[in-house]
PDB file of N, CA and C in Angstrom:
ATOM      1  N   MET A   1     135.520 105.493 108.922  1.00  0.00           N
ATOM      2  CA  MET A   1     135.612 104.076 109.258  1.00  0.00           C
ATOM      3  C   MET A   1     134.624 103.308 108.378  1.00  0.00           C
ATOM      4  N   PRO A   2     135.052 102.315 107.631  1.00  0.00           N
ATOM      5  CA  PRO A   2     134.173 101.589 106.835  1.00  0.00           C
ATOM      6  C   PRO A   2     133.065 100.930 107.687  1.00  0.00           C
ATOM      7  N   GLU A   3     131.828 100.851 107.053  1.00  0.00           N
ATOM      8  CA  GLU A   3     130.660 100.338 107.775  1.00  0.00           C
ATOM      9  C   GLU A   3     130.843  98.947 108.226  1.00  0.00           C
ATOM     10  N   HIS A   4     131.537  98.132 107.478  1.00  0.00           N
ATOM     11  CA  HIS A   4     131.664  96.679 107.803  1.00  0.00           C
ATOM     12  C   HIS A   4     133.143  96.350 108.084  1.00  0.00           C
ATOM     13  N   GLU A   5     133.712  97.092 109.024  1.00  0.00           N
ATOM     14  CA  GLU A   5     135.105  96.867 109.394  1.00  0.00           C
ATOM     15  C   GLU A   5     134.997  95.784 110.551  1.00  0.00           C
ATOM     16  N   HIS A   6     135.858  94.852 110.479  1.00  0.00           N
ATOM     17  CA  HIS A   6     135.878  93.784 111.467  1.00  0.00           C
ATOM     18  C   HIS A   6     136.751  94.164 112.674  1.00  0.00           C
ATOM     19  N   THR A   7     136.176  94.242 113.803  1.00  0.00           N
ATOM     20  CA  THR A   7     136.874  94.805 114.999  1.00  0.00           C
ATOM     21  C   THR A   7     136.712  93.850 116.204  1.00  0.00           C
ATOM     22  N   VAL A   8     137.847  93.674 116.846  1.00  0.00           N
ATOM     23  CA  VAL A   8     137.857  93.000 118.164  1.00  0.00           C
ATOM     24  C   VAL A   8     138.078  94.012 119.205  1.00  0.00           C
ATOM     25  N   TYR A   9     137.419  94.006 120.321  1.00  0.00           N
ATOM     26  CA  TYR A   9     137.478  95.018 121.288  1.00  0.00           C
ATOM     27  C   TYR A   9     137.491  94.388 122.709  1.00  0.00           C
ATOM     28  N   ILE A  10     138.048  95.053 123.657  1.00  0.00           N
ATOM     29  CA  ILE A  10     137.900  94.734 125.065  1.00  0.00           C
ATOM     30  C   ILE A  10     137.369  95.861 125.840  1.00  0.00           C
ATOM     31  N   LEU A  11     136.329  95.575 126.606  1.00  0.00           N
ATOM     32  CA  LEU A  11     135.690  96.513 127.485  1.00  0.00           C
ATOM     33  C   LEU A  11     136.056  96.302 128.953  1.00  0.00           C
ATOM     34  N   LYS A  12     136.329  97.402 129.602  1.00  0.00           N
ATOM     35  CA  LYS A  12     136.536  97.267 131.086  1.00  0.00           C
ATOM     36  C   LYS A  12     135.125  97.664 131.734  1.00  0.00           C
ATOM     37  N   CYS A  13     134.573  96.747 132.490  1.00  0.00           N
ATOM     38  CA  CYS A  13     133.247  96.978 133.056  1.00  0.00           C
ATOM     39  C   CYS A  13     133.340  97.619 134.391  1.00  0.00           C
ATOM     40  N   LYS A  14     132.276  98.181 134.887  1.00  0.00           N
ATOM     41  CA  LYS A  14     132.326  98.950 136.166  1.00  0.00           C
ATOM     42  C   LYS A  14     132.823  98.103 137.341  1.00  0.00           C
ATOM     43  N   ASP A  15     132.641  96.737 137.246  1.00  0.00           N
ATOM     44  CA  ASP A  15     133.104  95.855 138.301  1.00  0.00           C
ATOM     45  C   ASP A  15     134.563  95.456 138.051  1.00  0.00           C
ATOM     46  N   ASN A  16     135.218  96.134 137.137  1.00  0.00           N
ATOM     47  CA  ASN A  16     136.614  95.934 136.817  1.00  0.00           C
ATOM     48  C   ASN A  16     136.913  94.672 135.990  1.00  0.00           C
ATOM     49  N   SER A  17     135.861  93.964 135.606  1.00  0.00           N
ATOM     50  CA  SER A  17     136.079  92.738 134.742  1.00  0.00           C
ATOM     51  C   SER A  17     136.288  93.145 133.335  1.00  0.00           C
ATOM     52  N   LEU A  18     136.837  92.271 132.520  1.00  0.00           N
ATOM     53  CA  LEU A  18     137.131  92.610 131.087  1.00  0.00           C
ATOM     54  C   LEU A  18     136.272  91.692 130.227  1.00  0.00           C
ATOM     55  N   TYR A  19     135.685  92.344 129.182  1.00  0.00           N
ATOM     56  CA  TYR A  19     134.885  91.575 128.238  1.00  0.00           C
ATOM     57  C   TYR A  19     135.456  91.736 126.874  1.00  0.00           C
ATOM     58  N   THR A  20     135.665  90.632 126.192  1.00  0.00           N
ATOM     59  CA  THR A  20     136.199  90.637 124.777  1.00  0.00           C
ATOM     60  C   THR A  20     135.089  90.374 123.802  1.00  0.00           C
ATOM     61  N   GLY A  21     134.986  91.071 122.759  1.00  0.00           N
ATOM     62  CA  GLY A  21     133.983  90.857 121.743  1.00  0.00           C
ATOM     63  C   GLY A  21     134.401  91.184 120.300  1.00  0.00           C
ATOM     64  N   TYR A  22     133.583  90.811 119.408  1.00  0.00           N
ATOM     65  CA  TYR A  22     133.818  91.003 117.967  1.00  0.00           C
ATOM     66  C   TYR A  22     132.648  91.800 117.424  1.00  0.00           C
ATOM     67  N   THR A  23     132.821  92.674 116.467  1.00  0.00           N
ATOM     68  CA  THR A  23     131.735  93.384 115.779  1.00  0.00           C
ATOM     69  C   THR A  23     132.191  93.837 114.446  1.00  0.00           C
ATOM     70  N   ASN A  24     131.213  94.163 113.556  1.00  0.00           N
ATOM     71  CA  ASN A  24     131.583  94.825 112.305  1.00  0.00           C
ATOM     72  C   ASN A  24     131.008  96.265 112.312  1.00  0.00           C
ATOM     73  N   ASN A  25     130.543  96.740 113.515  1.00  0.00           N
ATOM     74  CA  ASN A  25     130.029  98.046 113.683  1.00  0.00           C
ATOM     75  C   ASN A  25     130.175  98.413 115.189  1.00  0.00           C
ATOM     76  N   LEU A  26     131.388  98.889 115.500  1.00  0.00           N
ATOM     77  CA  LEU A  26     131.700  99.075 116.917  1.00  0.00           C
ATOM     78  C   LEU A  26     130.799 100.140 117.558  1.00  0.00           C
ATOM     79  N   GLU A  27     130.468 101.213 116.928  1.00  0.00           N
ATOM     80  CA  GLU A  27     129.631 102.239 117.533  1.00  0.00           C
ATOM     81  C   GLU A  27     128.308 101.664 117.874  1.00  0.00           C
ATOM     82  N   ASN A  28     127.698 100.870 117.023  1.00  0.00           N
ATOM     83  CA  ASN A  28     126.344 100.289 117.294  1.00  0.00           C
ATOM     84  C   ASN A  28     126.506  99.277 118.408  1.00  0.00           C
ATOM     85  N   ARG A  29     127.536  98.540 118.357  1.00  0.00           N
ATOM     86  CA  ARG A  29     127.673  97.439 119.381  1.00  0.00           C
ATOM     87  C   ARG A  29     127.852  98.010 120.787  1.00  0.00           C
ATOM     88  N   LEU A  30     128.649  99.117 120.891  1.00  0.00           N
ATOM     89  CA  LEU A  30     128.746  99.779 122.194  1.00  0.00           C
ATOM     90  C   LEU A  30     127.476 100.332 122.679  1.00  0.00           C
ATOM     91  N   LYS A  31     126.630 100.892 121.740  1.00  0.00           N
ATOM     92  CA  LYS A  31     125.361 101.397 122.058  1.00  0.00           C
ATOM     93  C   LYS A  31     124.471 100.238 122.635  1.00  0.00           C
ATOM     94  N   MET A  32     124.554  99.082 122.007  1.00  0.00           N
ATOM     95  CA  MET A  32     123.768  97.897 122.468  1.00  0.00           C
ATOM     96  C   MET A  32     124.267  97.538 123.825  1.00  0.00           C
ATOM     97  N   HIS A  33     125.549  97.436 124.131  1.00  0.00           N
ATOM     98  CA  HIS A  33     126.048  97.170 125.406  1.00  0.00           C
ATOM     99  C   HIS A  33     125.536  98.081 126.474  1.00  0.00           C
ATOM    100  N   ASN A  34     125.610  99.417 126.130  1.00  0.00           N
ATOM    101  CA  ASN A  34     125.108 100.438 127.106  1.00  0.00           C
ATOM    102  C   ASN A  34     123.623 100.376 127.388  1.00  0.00           C
ATOM    103  N   GLU A  35     122.852  99.898 126.404  1.00  0.00           N
ATOM    104  CA  GLU A  35     121.414  99.741 126.572  1.00  0.00           C
ATOM    105  C   GLU A  35     121.030  98.479 127.228  1.00  0.00           C
ATOM    106  N   GLY A  36     122.037  97.590 127.552  1.00  0.00           N
ATOM    107  CA  GLY A  36     121.757  96.295 128.194  1.00  0.00           C
ATOM    108  C   GLY A  36     121.248  95.258 127.215  1.00  0.00           C
ATOM    109  N   LYS A  37     121.459  95.547 125.925  1.00  0.00           N
ATOM    110  CA  LYS A  37     121.008  94.563 124.839  1.00  0.00           C
ATOM    111  C   LYS A  37     122.212  93.908 124.229  1.00  0.00           C
ATOM    112  N   GLY A  38     123.415  94.125 124.694  1.00  0.00           N
ATOM    113  CA  GLY A  38     124.573  93.466 124.129  1.00  0.00           C
ATOM    114  C   GLY A  38     124.741  92.079 124.674  1.00  0.00           C
ATOM    115  N   ALA A  39     125.928  91.669 124.865  1.00  0.00           N
ATOM    116  CA  ALA A  39     126.153  90.329 125.389  1.00  0.00           C
ATOM    117  C   ALA A  39     125.540  90.152 126.753  1.00  0.00           C
ATOM    118  N   LYS A  40     125.133  88.932 127.067  1.00  0.00           N
ATOM    119  CA  LYS A  40     124.482  88.571 128.345  1.00  0.00           C
ATOM    120  C   LYS A  40     125.474  89.029 129.542  1.00  0.00           C
ATOM    121  N   TYR A  41     126.815  88.729 129.260  1.00  0.00           N
ATOM    122  CA  TYR A  41     127.711  88.971 130.297  1.00  0.00           C
ATOM    123  C   TYR A  41     127.820  90.471 130.727  1.00  0.00           C
ATOM    124  N   THR A  42     127.631  91.305 129.791  1.00  0.00           N
ATOM    125  CA  THR A  42     127.865  92.818 130.064  1.00  0.00           C
ATOM    126  C   THR A  42     126.576  93.476 130.691  1.00  0.00           C
ATOM    127  N   ARG A  43     125.432  92.748 130.667  1.00  0.00           N
ATOM    128  CA  ARG A  43     124.246  93.285 131.253  1.00  0.00           C
ATOM    129  C   ARG A  43     124.336  93.625 132.726  1.00  0.00           C
ATOM    130  N   GLY A  44     124.156  94.848 133.045  1.00  0.00           N
ATOM    131  CA  GLY A  44     124.247  95.334 134.440  1.00  0.00           C
ATOM    132  C   GLY A  44     125.690  95.627 134.928  1.00  0.00           C
ATOM    133  N   ARG A  45     126.691  95.569 133.967  1.00  0.00           N
ATOM    134  CA  ARG A  45     128.034  95.778 134.315  1.00  0.00           C
ATOM    135  C   ARG A  45     128.517  97.177 133.823  1.00  0.00           C
ATOM    136  N   GLY A  46     127.716  97.954 133.155  1.00  0.00           N
ATOM    137  CA  GLY A  46     128.029  99.224 132.635  1.00  0.00           C
ATOM    138  C   GLY A  46     128.116 100.274 133.736  1.00  0.00           C
ATOM    139  N   PRO A  47     128.688 101.419 133.515  1.00  0.00           N
ATOM    140  CA  PRO A  47     129.252 101.894 132.232  1.00  0.00           C
ATOM    141  C   PRO A  47     130.504 101.139 131.870  1.00  0.00           C
ATOM    142  N   PHE A  48     130.855 101.277 130.555  1.00  0.00           N
ATOM    143  CA  PHE A  48     132.028 100.567 130.118  1.00  0.00           C
ATOM    144  C   PHE A  48     133.143 101.532 129.582  1.00  0.00           C
ATOM    145  N   GLN A  49     134.332 101.036 129.621  1.00  0.00           N
ATOM    146  CA  GLN A  49     135.389 101.782 128.994  1.00  0.00           C
ATOM    147  C   GLN A  49     136.067 100.940 127.967  1.00  0.00           C
ATOM    148  N   VAL A  50     136.200 101.422 126.771  1.00  0.00           N
ATOM    149  CA  VAL A  50     136.904 100.644 125.668  1.00  0.00           C
ATOM    150  C   VAL A  50     138.374 100.777 125.969  1.00  0.00           C
ATOM    151  N   VAL A  51     139.008  99.625 126.180  1.00  0.00           N
ATOM    152  CA  VAL A  51     140.457  99.680 126.558  1.00  0.00           C
ATOM    153  C   VAL A  51     141.333  99.047 125.439  1.00  0.00           C
ATOM    154  N   TYR A  52     140.679  98.405 124.489  1.00  0.00           N
ATOM    155  CA  TYR A  52     141.473  97.763 123.372  1.00  0.00           C
ATOM    156  C   TYR A  52     140.636  97.670 122.179  1.00  0.00           C
ATOM    157  N   ILE A  53     141.236  98.022 121.018  1.00  0.00           N
ATOM    158  CA  ILE A  53     140.522  97.885 119.674  1.00  0.00           C
ATOM    159  C   ILE A  53     141.602  97.406 118.737  1.00  0.00           C
ATOM    160  N   GLU A  54     141.178  96.473 117.946  1.00  0.00           N
ATOM    161  CA  GLU A  54     142.088  95.988 116.839  1.00  0.00           C
ATOM    162  C   GLU A  54     141.148  95.681 115.637  1.00  0.00           C
ATOM    163  N   ARG A  55     141.555  96.186 114.558  1.00  0.00           N
ATOM    164  CA  ARG A  55     140.740  96.033 113.285  1.00  0.00           C
ATOM    165  C   ARG A  55     141.395  95.063 112.325  1.00  0.00           C
ATOM    166  N   PHE A  56     140.493  94.386 111.600  1.00  0.00           N
ATOM    167  CA  PHE A  56     140.967  93.293 110.642  1.00  0.00           C
ATOM    168  C   PHE A  56     140.265  93.491 109.320  1.00  0.00           C
ATOM    169  N   SER A  57     140.931  92.952 108.325  1.00  0.00           N
ATOM    170  CA  SER A  57     140.407  93.043 106.907  1.00  0.00           C
ATOM    171  C   SER A  57     139.359  91.922 106.691  1.00  0.00           C
ATOM    172  N   SER A  58     139.294  90.900 107.549  1.00  0.00           N
ATOM    173  CA  SER A  58     138.316  89.862 107.319  1.00  0.00           C
ATOM    174  C   SER A  58     137.709  89.416 108.599  1.00  0.00           C
ATOM    175  N   LYS A  59     136.480  88.880 108.570  1.00  0.00           N
ATOM    176  CA  LYS A  59     135.874  88.373 109.730  1.00  0.00           C
ATOM    177  C   LYS A  59     136.611  87.205 110.280  1.00  0.00           C
ATOM    178  N   GLU A  60     137.137  86.361 109.487  1.00  0.00           N
ATOM    179  CA  GLU A  60     137.824  85.207 109.946  1.00  0.00           C
ATOM    180  C   GLU A  60     139.078  85.527 110.819  1.00  0.00           C
ATOM    181  N   LYS A  61     139.868  86.489 110.336  1.00  0.00           N
ATOM    182  CA  LYS A  61     141.034  87.004 111.132  1.00  0.00           C
ATOM    183  C   LYS A  61     140.554  87.513 112.493  1.00  0.00           C
ATOM    184  N   ALA A  62     139.501  88.350 112.442  1.00  0.00           N
ATOM    185  CA  ALA A  62     139.015  88.966 113.695  1.00  0.00           C
ATOM    186  C   ALA A  62     138.486  87.892 114.659  1.00  0.00           C
ATOM    187  N   MET A  63     137.773  86.947 114.138  1.00  0.00           N
ATOM    188  CA  MET A  63     137.231  85.859 114.996  1.00  0.00           C
ATOM    189  C   MET A  63     138.415  85.109 115.593  1.00  0.00           C
ATOM    190  N   LYS A  64     139.401  84.806 114.875  1.00  0.00           N
ATOM    191  CA  LYS A  64     140.603  84.075 115.388  1.00  0.00           C
ATOM    192  C   LYS A  64     141.221  84.873 116.559  1.00  0.00           C
ATOM    193  N   LYS A  65     141.390  86.200 116.293  1.00  0.00           N
ATOM    194  CA  LYS A  65     142.042  87.035 117.333  1.00  0.00           C
ATOM    195  C   LYS A  65     141.068  87.120 118.627  1.00  0.00           C
ATOM    196  N   GLU A  66     139.793  87.201 118.399  1.00  0.00           N
ATOM    197  CA  GLU A  66     138.854  87.222 119.532  1.00  0.00           C
ATOM    198  C   GLU A  66     139.028  85.903 120.333  1.00  0.00           C
ATOM    199  N   TYR A  67     139.091  84.842 119.673  1.00  0.00           N
ATOM    200  CA  TYR A  67     139.212  83.567 120.376  1.00  0.00           C
ATOM    201  C   TYR A  67     140.513  83.488 121.155  1.00  0.00           C
ATOM    202  N   THR A  68     141.575  83.942 120.463  1.00  0.00           N
ATOM    203  CA  THR A  68     142.945  83.942 121.123  1.00  0.00           C
ATOM    204  C   THR A  68     142.899  84.805 122.393  1.00  0.00           C
ATOM    205  N   ILE A  69     142.355  85.973 122.302  1.00  0.00           N
ATOM    206  CA  ILE A  69     142.255  86.854 123.484  1.00  0.00           C
ATOM    207  C   ILE A  69     141.437  86.248 124.582  1.00  0.00           C
ATOM    208  N   LYS A  70     140.400  85.615 124.246  1.00  0.00           N
ATOM    209  CA  LYS A  70     139.546  84.959 125.230  1.00  0.00           C
ATOM    210  C   LYS A  70     140.159  83.796 125.963  1.00  0.00           C
ATOM    211  N   GLN A  71     141.266  83.254 125.385  1.00  0.00           N
ATOM    212  CA  GLN A  71     141.951  82.196 125.981  1.00  0.00           C
ATOM    213  C   GLN A  71     143.029  82.642 127.053  1.00  0.00           C
ATOM    214  N   LEU A  72     143.304  84.035 126.928  1.00  0.00           N
ATOM    215  CA  LEU A  72     144.370  84.593 127.804  1.00  0.00           C
ATOM    216  C   LEU A  72     143.815  84.725 129.238  1.00  0.00           C
ATOM    217  N   THR A  73     144.767  84.702 130.167  1.00  0.00           N
ATOM    218  CA  THR A  73     144.509  85.049 131.579  1.00  0.00           C
ATOM    219  C   THR A  73     144.163  86.534 131.671  1.00  0.00           C
ATOM    220  N   ARG A  74     143.621  86.997 132.796  1.00  0.00           N
ATOM    221  CA  ARG A  74     143.364  88.441 133.019  1.00  0.00           C
ATOM    222  C   ARG A  74     144.673  89.209 132.929  1.00  0.00           C
ATOM    223  N   LYS A  75     145.769  88.646 133.523  1.00  0.00           N
ATOM    224  CA  LYS A  75     147.058  89.205 133.517  1.00  0.00           C
ATOM    225  C   LYS A  75     147.584  89.449 132.110  1.00  0.00           C
ATOM    226  N   GLU A  76     147.359  88.388 131.283  1.00  0.00           N
ATOM    227  CA  GLU A  76     147.884  88.452 129.875  1.00  0.00           C
ATOM    228  C   GLU A  76     147.067  89.547 129.084  1.00  0.00           C
ATOM    229  N   LYS A  77     145.796  89.539 129.385  1.00  0.00           N
ATOM    230  CA  LYS A  77     144.949  90.576 128.742  1.00  0.00           C
ATOM    231  C   LYS A  77     145.361  91.957 129.028  1.00  0.00           C
ATOM    232  N   LEU A  78     145.713  92.170 130.304  1.00  0.00           N
ATOM    233  CA  LEU A  78     146.122  93.554 130.742  1.00  0.00           C
ATOM    234  C   LEU A  78     147.446  93.836 130.078  1.00  0.00           C
ATOM    235  N   GLN A  79     148.343  92.836 129.937  1.00  0.00           N
ATOM    236  CA  GLN A  79     149.606  93.049 129.283  1.00  0.00           C
ATOM    237  C   GLN A  79     149.385  93.399 127.750  1.00  0.00           C
ATOM    238  N   LEU A  80     148.421  92.749 127.124  1.00  0.00           N
ATOM    239  CA  LEU A  80     148.087  93.082 125.741  1.00  0.00           C
ATOM    240  C   LEU A  80     147.580  94.516 125.665  1.00  0.00           C
ATOM    241  N   ILE A  81     146.721  94.907 126.562  1.00  0.00           N
ATOM    242  CA  ILE A  81     146.148  96.296 126.587  1.00  0.00           C
ATOM    243  C   ILE A  81     147.257  97.350 126.709  1.00  0.00           C
ATOM    244  N   ARG A  82     148.143  97.075 127.761  1.00  0.00           N
ATOM    245  CA  ARG A  82     149.237  97.962 127.962  1.00  0.00           C
ATOM    246  C   ARG A  82     150.194  98.143 126.725  1.00  0.00           C
ATOM    247  N   ALA A  83     150.457  96.947 126.053  1.00  0.00           N
ATOM    248  CA  ALA A  83     151.356  96.996 124.896  1.00  0.00           C
ATOM    249  C   ALA A  83     150.658  97.791 123.780  1.00  0.00           C
ATOM    250  N   ALA A  84     149.395  97.704 123.593  1.00  0.00           N
ATOM    251  CA  ALA A  84     148.711  98.484 122.493  1.00  0.00           C
ATOM    252  C   ALA A  84     148.707  99.963 122.930  1.00  0.00           C
ATOM    253  N   LEU A  85     148.474 100.298 124.199  1.00  0.00           N
ATOM    254  CA  LEU A  85     148.515 101.666 124.627  1.00  0.00           C
ATOM    255  C   LEU A  85     149.893 102.257 124.496  1.00  0.00           C
ATOM    256  N   LYS A  86     150.961 101.578 124.710  1.00  0.00           N
ATOM    257  CA  LYS A  86     152.310 102.027 124.445  1.00  0.00           C
ATOM    258  C   LYS A  86     152.548 102.398 122.986  1.00  0.00           C
ATOM    259  N   GLU A  87     151.936 101.547 122.136  1.00  0.00           N
ATOM    260  CA  GLU A  87     152.115 101.815 120.641  1.00  0.00           C
ATOM    261  C   GLU A  87     151.373 103.111 120.319  1.00  0.00           C
ATOM    262  N   VAL A  88     150.203 103.324 120.945  1.00  0.00           N
ATOM    263  CA  VAL A  88     149.492 104.578 120.652  1.00  0.00           C
ATOM    264  C   VAL A  88     150.241 105.806 121.131  1.00  0.00           C
ATOM    265  N   ILE A  89     150.792 105.732 122.381  1.00  0.00           N
ATOM    266  CA  ILE A  89     151.587 106.778 122.931  1.00  0.00           C
ATOM    267  C   ILE A  89     152.795 107.031 122.075  1.00  0.00           C
ATOM    268  N   LYS A  90     153.466 106.042 121.700  1.00  0.00           N
ATOM    269  CA  LYS A  90     154.689 106.136 120.845  1.00  0.00           C
ATOM    270  C   LYS A  90     154.326 106.830 119.477  1.00  0.00           C
ATOM    271  N   TYR A  91     153.185 106.422 118.910  1.00  0.00           N
ATOM    272  CA  TYR A  91     152.774 106.985 117.602  1.00  0.00           C
ATOM    273  C   TYR A  91     152.443 108.502 117.832  1.00  0.00           C
ATOM    274  N   GLU A  92     151.650 108.754 118.844  1.00  0.00           N
ATOM    275  CA  GLU A  92     151.248 110.158 119.071  1.00  0.00           C
ATOM    276  C   GLU A  92     152.482 111.011 119.364  1.00  0.00           C
ATOM    277  N   HIS A  93     153.461 110.517 120.092  1.00  0.00           N
ATOM    278  CA  HIS A  93     154.695 111.282 120.367  1.00  0.00           C
ATOM    279  C   HIS A  93     155.498 111.499 119.168  1.00  0.00           C
ATOM    280  N   SER A  94     155.558 110.544 118.257  1.00  0.00           N
ATOM    281  CA  SER A  94     156.403 110.697 117.015  1.00  0.00           C
ATOM    282  C   SER A  94     155.777 111.577 115.960  1.00  0.00           C
ATOM    283  N   THR A  95     154.457 111.847 116.073  1.00  0.00           N
ATOM    284  CA  THR A  95     153.809 112.729 115.128  1.00  0.00           C
ATOM    285  C   THR A  95     153.638 114.112 115.593  1.00  0.00           C
ATOM    286  N   LYS A  96     154.068 114.444 116.719  1.00  0.00           N
ATOM    287  CA  LYS A  96     153.990 115.858 117.232  1.00  0.00           C
ATOM    288  C   LYS A  96     155.052 116.624 116.492  1.00  0.00           C
ATOM    289  N   LEU A  97     154.758 117.921 116.205  1.00  0.00           N
ATOM    290  CA  LEU A  97     155.637 118.824 115.530  1.00  0.00           C
ATOM    291  C   LEU A  97     156.696 119.357 116.445  1.00  0.00           C
TER     292      LEU A  97
END
């Protein structure tokens, strides 16, 4: 994974809430969230489960997607997560020998 890949992600917090964020280093950002040094919203809400990841070629595209996701209702965010999961399952199924 390139060091400066632009990523939008959704975390499911222990209280079942969803947090959407942007980063160019997902591994480091998740470490920060787990240490309580990430976003103010996520402090005290760990442990987290990454439920959605989308990567972009530019920061601008990623930031637009993050904004779009943040405007969605919880129900719409769950639909987005389910749709992405279906794509992963479909891909994994199609690549089996």
